[in-house]
Amino acid sequence: MCWRPRSRPHRDISVAAPRTLRTGLGLQRRPKRCEYLTDDVEIIAPNGTFSGHPGYHEFMDGFVRMLTGVTEFTIFGDDTTALIWYTTHLQPVPSLTAGERITLREDKIARIEIVFDQMPLAQAFGGKAPAHDTIGE
C-alpha cells in the first residue's frame, strides 16, 4: 500500500519528493522546493543536524550534486507523517539505500529524519565509519 494523502499539500509533497530526488531538480528550483518546508525545518541525519532553509540546503545541495539516480522509491504514511524508503545512485558509490521519516506541520515539512549506512561513502572518500571500526574489537 502506498501513501495516498487526502489533502492537496500532502499530495504535492508525495509527488515532489521522489521527482526532486530522481531528477536532481533541487539545485535548479530552490524557491519551489522551499515552499514545502517550514521556516524552522530540522534535518536529522547520520552526518549531523541541520536547521532552517540554510541548513536544508547545506545538507541537500551536496547530496544532489552527487546524485545520478533514484530507484525503488516507496512512501507510506498519513496526514502528519510519511515514511520513505529509496535507493540512491551516487557518483562515488553505485547504490545507497536510505530511509526517511518526514513530519508535517501546518501542511509543510517540519522535520526530516534520514537514516543511511555511512560506510559506503566513508570508504569512497578514503575514511572509515567510526561505528564500524570498533566491531569485533
N, C-alpha and C. Protein backbone atom coordinates (compact mmCIF):
# COMPACT_ATOMS: atom_id res chain seq x y z
N MET A 1 0.84 -1.18 0.00
CA MET A 1 0.00 0.00 0.00
C MET A 1 0.89 1.24 0.00
N CYS A 2 0.66 2.12 -0.93
CA CYS A 2 1.40 3.38 -0.98
C CYS A 2 0.61 4.46 -0.28
N TRP A 3 1.30 5.48 0.11
CA TRP A 3 0.69 6.62 0.81
C TRP A 3 -0.21 7.36 -0.16
N ARG A 4 -1.45 7.55 0.20
CA ARG A 4 -2.41 8.30 -0.60
C ARG A 4 -2.94 9.44 0.25
N PRO A 5 -2.17 10.53 0.35
CA PRO A 5 -2.61 11.64 1.20
C PRO A 5 -3.90 12.26 0.67
N ARG A 6 -4.74 12.71 1.61
CA ARG A 6 -6.05 13.25 1.25
C ARG A 6 -6.00 14.72 0.83
N SER A 7 -5.19 15.51 1.47
CA SER A 7 -5.21 16.95 1.17
C SER A 7 -4.19 17.29 0.07
N ARG A 8 -4.43 18.36 -0.63
CA ARG A 8 -3.58 18.76 -1.74
C ARG A 8 -2.11 18.97 -1.34
N PRO A 9 -1.81 19.71 -0.25
CA PRO A 9 -0.39 19.90 0.09
C PRO A 9 0.33 18.57 0.31
N HIS A 10 -0.35 17.60 0.93
CA HIS A 10 0.28 16.31 1.18
C HIS A 10 0.50 15.56 -0.12
N ARG A 11 -0.45 15.65 -1.05
CA ARG A 11 -0.27 15.02 -2.36
C ARG A 11 0.89 15.68 -3.09
N ASP A 12 0.98 16.99 -3.02
CA ASP A 12 2.08 17.71 -3.67
C ASP A 12 3.43 17.24 -3.14
N ILE A 13 3.54 17.09 -1.82
CA ILE A 13 4.79 16.65 -1.20
C ILE A 13 5.11 15.23 -1.63
N SER A 14 4.11 14.35 -1.66
CA SER A 14 4.36 12.96 -2.02
C SER A 14 4.79 12.82 -3.47
N VAL A 15 4.41 13.74 -4.32
CA VAL A 15 4.83 13.73 -5.71
C VAL A 15 6.17 14.44 -5.87
N ALA A 16 6.37 15.54 -5.15
CA ALA A 16 7.58 16.34 -5.31
C ALA A 16 8.82 15.64 -4.77
N ALA A 17 8.72 14.93 -3.66
CA ALA A 17 9.91 14.32 -3.06
C ALA A 17 10.61 13.36 -4.02
N PRO A 18 9.92 12.36 -4.56
CA PRO A 18 10.63 11.46 -5.46
C PRO A 18 11.08 12.14 -6.75
N ARG A 19 10.29 13.05 -7.27
CA ARG A 19 10.66 13.75 -8.51
C ARG A 19 11.93 14.57 -8.28
N THR A 20 12.02 15.25 -7.15
CA THR A 20 13.21 16.04 -6.85
C THR A 20 14.44 15.16 -6.77
N LEU A 21 14.33 14.02 -6.09
CA LEU A 21 15.48 13.13 -5.98
C LEU A 21 15.83 12.50 -7.33
N ARG A 22 14.84 12.06 -8.07
CA ARG A 22 15.10 11.39 -9.34
C ARG A 22 15.75 12.30 -10.36
N THR A 23 15.38 13.56 -10.39
CA THR A 23 15.86 14.44 -11.44
C THR A 23 16.92 15.42 -10.98
N GLY A 24 17.17 15.49 -9.69
CA GLY A 24 18.15 16.44 -9.19
C GLY A 24 17.70 17.89 -9.33
N LEU A 25 16.39 18.13 -9.37
CA LEU A 25 15.89 19.49 -9.55
C LEU A 25 16.12 20.37 -8.34
N GLY A 26 16.57 19.77 -7.24
CA GLY A 26 16.74 20.55 -6.03
C GLY A 26 17.62 21.77 -6.20
N LEU A 27 18.69 21.66 -6.99
CA LEU A 27 19.59 22.79 -7.14
C LEU A 27 19.01 23.86 -8.06
N GLN A 28 18.29 23.46 -9.08
CA GLN A 28 17.76 24.42 -10.03
C GLN A 28 16.49 25.11 -9.54
N ARG A 29 15.75 24.51 -8.64
CA ARG A 29 14.45 25.04 -8.24
C ARG A 29 14.34 25.27 -6.74
N ARG A 30 15.27 25.95 -6.17
CA ARG A 30 15.25 26.21 -4.73
C ARG A 30 13.96 26.84 -4.24
N PRO A 31 13.47 27.91 -4.84
CA PRO A 31 12.25 28.53 -4.32
C PRO A 31 11.07 27.55 -4.31
N LYS A 32 10.91 26.76 -5.34
CA LYS A 32 9.81 25.79 -5.41
C LYS A 32 9.96 24.75 -4.30
N ARG A 33 11.20 24.25 -4.12
CA ARG A 33 11.44 23.22 -3.12
C ARG A 33 11.16 23.76 -1.72
N CYS A 34 11.54 25.00 -1.44
CA CYS A 34 11.37 25.56 -0.10
C CYS A 34 9.93 25.85 0.26
N GLU A 35 9.05 25.97 -0.70
CA GLU A 35 7.66 26.24 -0.35
C GLU A 35 7.03 25.05 0.38
N TYR A 36 7.66 23.88 0.34
CA TYR A 36 7.15 22.71 1.05
C TYR A 36 7.73 22.59 2.46
N LEU A 37 8.61 23.50 2.86
CA LEU A 37 9.30 23.42 4.15
C LEU A 37 8.83 24.52 5.10
N THR A 38 8.75 24.20 6.40
CA THR A 38 8.54 25.25 7.39
C THR A 38 9.82 26.08 7.47
N ASP A 39 9.73 27.29 7.99
CA ASP A 39 10.92 28.13 8.12
C ASP A 39 11.94 27.52 9.06
N ASP A 40 11.47 26.76 10.06
CA ASP A 40 12.36 26.16 11.05
C ASP A 40 12.56 24.66 10.83
N VAL A 41 12.45 24.20 9.58
CA VAL A 41 12.61 22.78 9.28
C VAL A 41 13.90 22.26 9.90
N GLU A 42 13.85 21.02 10.38
CA GLU A 42 15.01 20.41 11.01
C GLU A 42 15.31 19.09 10.29
N ILE A 43 16.58 18.90 9.93
CA ILE A 43 17.02 17.67 9.28
C ILE A 43 17.98 16.97 10.23
N ILE A 44 17.64 15.74 10.57
CA ILE A 44 18.48 14.92 11.43
C ILE A 44 19.04 13.81 10.53
N ALA A 45 20.36 13.76 10.39
CA ALA A 45 20.99 12.78 9.51
C ALA A 45 22.21 12.19 10.20
N PRO A 46 22.73 11.08 9.68
CA PRO A 46 23.92 10.49 10.31
C PRO A 46 25.11 11.44 10.37
N ASN A 47 25.17 12.39 9.47
CA ASN A 47 26.30 13.32 9.46
C ASN A 47 26.02 14.65 10.14
N GLY A 48 24.90 14.75 10.88
CA GLY A 48 24.65 15.96 11.65
C GLY A 48 23.21 16.40 11.66
N THR A 49 22.97 17.51 12.36
CA THR A 49 21.65 18.13 12.43
C THR A 49 21.73 19.46 11.71
N PHE A 50 20.72 19.73 10.88
CA PHE A 50 20.70 20.93 10.05
C PHE A 50 19.37 21.63 10.29
N SER A 51 19.39 22.96 10.42
CA SER A 51 18.18 23.70 10.78
C SER A 51 17.86 24.80 9.79
N GLY A 52 16.55 25.01 9.59
CA GLY A 52 16.08 26.08 8.72
C GLY A 52 16.40 25.83 7.26
N HIS A 53 16.00 26.77 6.42
CA HIS A 53 16.26 26.64 4.99
C HIS A 53 17.75 26.59 4.68
N PRO A 54 18.59 27.41 5.35
CA PRO A 54 20.04 27.31 5.08
C PRO A 54 20.60 25.93 5.44
N GLY A 55 20.14 25.37 6.55
CA GLY A 55 20.60 24.03 6.94
C GLY A 55 20.14 22.96 5.97
N TYR A 56 18.91 23.10 5.49
CA TYR A 56 18.39 22.16 4.50
C TYR A 56 19.28 22.19 3.25
N HIS A 57 19.63 23.38 2.80
CA HIS A 57 20.48 23.49 1.61
C HIS A 57 21.89 22.97 1.87
N GLU A 58 22.40 23.23 3.07
CA GLU A 58 23.73 22.73 3.41
C GLU A 58 23.77 21.21 3.29
N PHE A 59 22.73 20.54 3.77
CA PHE A 59 22.68 19.09 3.68
C PHE A 59 22.34 18.61 2.28
N MET A 60 21.28 19.12 1.70
CA MET A 60 20.73 18.56 0.48
C MET A 60 21.51 18.92 -0.78
N ASP A 61 22.05 20.13 -0.88
CA ASP A 61 22.69 20.54 -2.12
C ASP A 61 23.91 19.68 -2.46
N GLY A 62 24.72 19.36 -1.47
CA GLY A 62 25.87 18.48 -1.72
C GLY A 62 25.44 17.09 -2.14
N PHE A 63 24.39 16.60 -1.51
CA PHE A 63 23.87 15.28 -1.85
C PHE A 63 23.36 15.26 -3.29
N VAL A 64 22.59 16.27 -3.67
CA VAL A 64 22.00 16.31 -5.01
C VAL A 64 23.10 16.42 -6.07
N ARG A 65 24.21 17.10 -5.78
CA ARG A 65 25.31 17.18 -6.74
C ARG A 65 25.92 15.82 -7.03
N MET A 66 25.90 14.90 -6.04
CA MET A 66 26.44 13.55 -6.23
C MET A 66 25.44 12.60 -6.88
N LEU A 67 24.18 12.97 -6.86
CA LEU A 67 23.10 12.07 -7.27
C LEU A 67 23.08 11.83 -8.77
N THR A 68 23.01 10.55 -9.14
CA THR A 68 22.86 10.20 -10.56
C THR A 68 21.52 9.52 -10.83
N GLY A 69 20.82 9.08 -9.78
CA GLY A 69 19.52 8.46 -9.97
C GLY A 69 18.93 7.94 -8.68
N VAL A 70 17.65 7.58 -8.74
CA VAL A 70 16.94 7.00 -7.60
C VAL A 70 16.06 5.88 -8.13
N THR A 71 16.05 4.76 -7.41
CA THR A 71 15.18 3.64 -7.76
C THR A 71 14.48 3.15 -6.50
N GLU A 72 13.49 2.32 -6.69
CA GLU A 72 12.79 1.66 -5.58
C GLU A 72 12.27 2.66 -4.56
N PHE A 73 11.55 3.66 -5.02
CA PHE A 73 11.03 4.72 -4.17
C PHE A 73 9.65 4.33 -3.66
N THR A 74 9.47 4.28 -2.34
CA THR A 74 8.19 3.91 -1.73
C THR A 74 7.86 4.89 -0.61
N ILE A 75 6.61 5.31 -0.53
CA ILE A 75 6.15 6.21 0.54
C ILE A 75 4.94 5.59 1.22
N PHE A 76 4.95 5.57 2.54
CA PHE A 76 3.81 5.18 3.36
C PHE A 76 3.57 6.29 4.36
N GLY A 77 2.34 6.46 4.81
CA GLY A 77 2.12 7.45 5.85
C GLY A 77 0.68 7.88 5.98
N ASP A 78 0.51 8.95 6.71
CA ASP A 78 -0.82 9.53 6.92
C ASP A 78 -0.71 11.04 6.72
N ASP A 79 -1.62 11.80 7.27
CA ASP A 79 -1.61 13.25 7.03
C ASP A 79 -0.59 14.02 7.87
N THR A 80 0.13 13.36 8.76
CA THR A 80 1.14 14.06 9.56
C THR A 80 2.54 13.48 9.43
N THR A 81 2.65 12.24 8.97
CA THR A 81 3.95 11.58 8.90
C THR A 81 4.05 10.74 7.64
N ALA A 82 5.22 10.77 7.02
CA ALA A 82 5.49 9.91 5.87
C ALA A 82 6.77 9.14 6.14
N LEU A 83 6.77 7.87 5.77
CA LEU A 83 7.96 7.04 5.83
C LEU A 83 8.36 6.74 4.39
N ILE A 84 9.60 7.03 4.05
CA ILE A 84 10.07 6.89 2.68
C ILE A 84 11.27 5.95 2.66
N TRP A 85 11.29 5.05 1.69
CA TRP A 85 12.39 4.10 1.51
C TRP A 85 12.81 4.19 0.06
N TYR A 86 14.10 4.38 -0.20
CA TYR A 86 14.57 4.51 -1.57
C TYR A 86 16.03 4.13 -1.68
N THR A 87 16.45 3.83 -2.89
CA THR A 87 17.86 3.56 -3.18
C THR A 87 18.37 4.66 -4.09
N THR A 88 19.42 5.33 -3.65
CA THR A 88 20.02 6.37 -4.47
C THR A 88 21.22 5.79 -5.20
N HIS A 89 21.54 6.40 -6.31
CA HIS A 89 22.74 6.07 -7.07
C HIS A 89 23.55 7.36 -7.13
N LEU A 90 24.77 7.26 -6.59
CA LEU A 90 25.61 8.45 -6.42
C LEU A 90 26.90 8.29 -7.21
N GLN A 91 27.52 9.40 -7.55
CA GLN A 91 28.79 9.35 -8.28
C GLN A 91 29.84 8.53 -7.53
N PRO A 92 30.00 8.69 -6.21
CA PRO A 92 31.06 7.94 -5.53
C PRO A 92 30.70 6.48 -5.19
N VAL A 93 29.43 6.14 -5.13
CA VAL A 93 29.02 4.76 -4.81
C VAL A 93 27.86 4.34 -5.72
N PRO A 94 27.84 3.07 -6.14
CA PRO A 94 26.79 2.65 -7.07
C PRO A 94 25.38 2.70 -6.49
N SER A 95 25.24 2.39 -5.22
CA SER A 95 23.90 2.47 -4.61
C SER A 95 24.02 2.67 -3.11
N LEU A 96 23.05 3.39 -2.59
CA LEU A 96 22.99 3.68 -1.16
C LEU A 96 21.51 3.74 -0.78
N THR A 97 21.08 2.81 0.04
CA THR A 97 19.68 2.77 0.45
C THR A 97 19.48 3.66 1.67
N ALA A 98 18.38 4.40 1.67
CA ALA A 98 18.10 5.33 2.77
C ALA A 98 16.63 5.23 3.16
N GLY A 99 16.37 5.60 4.39
CA GLY A 99 15.00 5.72 4.89
C GLY A 99 14.82 7.09 5.50
N GLU A 100 13.61 7.62 5.38
CA GLU A 100 13.31 8.93 5.96
C GLU A 100 11.97 8.88 6.68
N ARG A 101 11.91 9.62 7.76
CA ARG A 101 10.62 9.89 8.39
C ARG A 101 10.42 11.39 8.28
N ILE A 102 9.36 11.77 7.58
CA ILE A 102 9.05 13.17 7.37
C ILE A 102 7.85 13.53 8.22
N THR A 103 7.98 14.59 9.02
CA THR A 103 6.90 15.06 9.87
C THR A 103 6.37 16.37 9.30
N LEU A 104 5.05 16.44 9.16
CA LEU A 104 4.40 17.63 8.62
C LEU A 104 3.79 18.45 9.74
N ARG A 105 3.83 19.76 9.57
CA ARG A 105 3.17 20.69 10.48
C ARG A 105 2.56 21.80 9.62
N GLU A 106 1.28 22.01 9.77
CA GLU A 106 0.56 23.03 9.00
C GLU A 106 0.80 22.85 7.50
N ASP A 107 0.70 21.60 7.06
CA ASP A 107 0.82 21.23 5.64
C ASP A 107 2.19 21.47 5.03
N LYS A 108 3.21 21.57 5.86
CA LYS A 108 4.58 21.71 5.35
C LYS A 108 5.50 20.74 6.08
N ILE A 109 6.63 20.46 5.48
CA ILE A 109 7.61 19.57 6.09
C ILE A 109 8.32 20.32 7.22
N ALA A 110 8.21 19.79 8.44
CA ALA A 110 8.81 20.42 9.61
C ALA A 110 10.06 19.69 10.09
N ARG A 111 10.14 18.40 9.80
CA ARG A 111 11.27 17.60 10.28
C ARG A 111 11.51 16.45 9.31
N ILE A 112 12.79 16.23 9.01
CA ILE A 112 13.19 15.10 8.17
C ILE A 112 14.26 14.34 8.94
N GLU A 113 13.96 13.08 9.23
CA GLU A 113 14.94 12.22 9.88
C GLU A 113 15.40 11.20 8.85
N ILE A 114 16.68 11.23 8.53
CA ILE A 114 17.24 10.39 7.47
C ILE A 114 18.17 9.36 8.08
N VAL A 115 18.05 8.13 7.61
CA VAL A 115 18.90 7.05 8.07
C VAL A 115 19.53 6.38 6.85
N PHE A 116 20.85 6.25 6.86
CA PHE A 116 21.55 5.51 5.81
C PHE A 116 22.88 5.02 6.36
N ASP A 117 23.42 3.99 5.75
CA ASP A 117 24.71 3.44 6.15
C ASP A 117 25.81 4.34 5.61
N GLN A 118 26.61 4.90 6.48
CA GLN A 118 27.69 5.81 6.07
C GLN A 118 28.90 5.09 5.51
N MET A 119 29.02 3.78 5.75
CA MET A 119 30.22 3.05 5.36
C MET A 119 30.56 3.18 3.87
N PRO A 120 29.63 2.99 2.94
CA PRO A 120 30.00 3.11 1.53
C PRO A 120 30.57 4.49 1.17
N LEU A 121 29.99 5.55 1.72
CA LEU A 121 30.51 6.90 1.46
C LEU A 121 31.87 7.11 2.13
N ALA A 122 32.02 6.63 3.36
CA ALA A 122 33.30 6.77 4.05
C ALA A 122 34.40 6.05 3.28
N GLN A 123 34.11 4.85 2.78
CA GLN A 123 35.10 4.11 2.00
C GLN A 123 35.41 4.83 0.69
N ALA A 124 34.39 5.38 0.05
CA ALA A 124 34.59 6.08 -1.22
C ALA A 124 35.48 7.32 -1.05
N PHE A 125 35.40 7.95 0.11
CA PHE A 125 36.18 9.15 0.35
C PHE A 125 37.45 8.87 1.17
N GLY A 126 37.81 7.59 1.33
CA GLY A 126 39.07 7.23 1.97
C GLY A 126 39.07 7.19 3.47
N GLY A 127 37.91 7.32 4.09
CA GLY A 127 37.84 7.27 5.55
C GLY A 127 37.18 6.00 6.04
N LYS A 128 36.97 5.93 7.32
CA LYS A 128 36.29 4.79 7.92
C LYS A 128 35.15 5.31 8.77
N ALA A 129 34.04 4.60 8.75
CA ALA A 129 32.90 4.97 9.60
C ALA A 129 33.20 4.49 11.01
N PRO A 130 33.26 5.40 12.00
CA PRO A 130 33.64 5.04 13.36
C PRO A 130 32.81 3.90 13.96
N ALA A 131 31.54 3.85 13.69
CA ALA A 131 30.69 2.81 14.27
C ALA A 131 31.14 1.43 13.79
N HIS A 132 31.71 1.34 12.60
CA HIS A 132 32.14 0.06 12.05
C HIS A 132 33.55 -0.29 12.47
N ASP A 133 34.37 0.70 12.80
CA ASP A 133 35.77 0.46 13.15
C ASP A 133 35.91 -0.36 14.42
N THR A 134 34.95 -0.26 15.32
CA THR A 134 35.09 -0.91 16.62
C THR A 134 34.44 -2.29 16.65
N ILE A 135 33.77 -2.70 15.58
CA ILE A 135 33.12 -4.01 15.55
C ILE A 135 34.19 -5.10 15.58
N GLY A 136 34.01 -6.06 16.49
CA GLY A 136 34.92 -7.18 16.59
C GLY A 136 36.12 -6.93 17.48
N GLU A 137 36.24 -5.76 18.05
CA GLU A 137 37.38 -5.50 18.94
C GLU A 137 37.12 -6.04 20.32
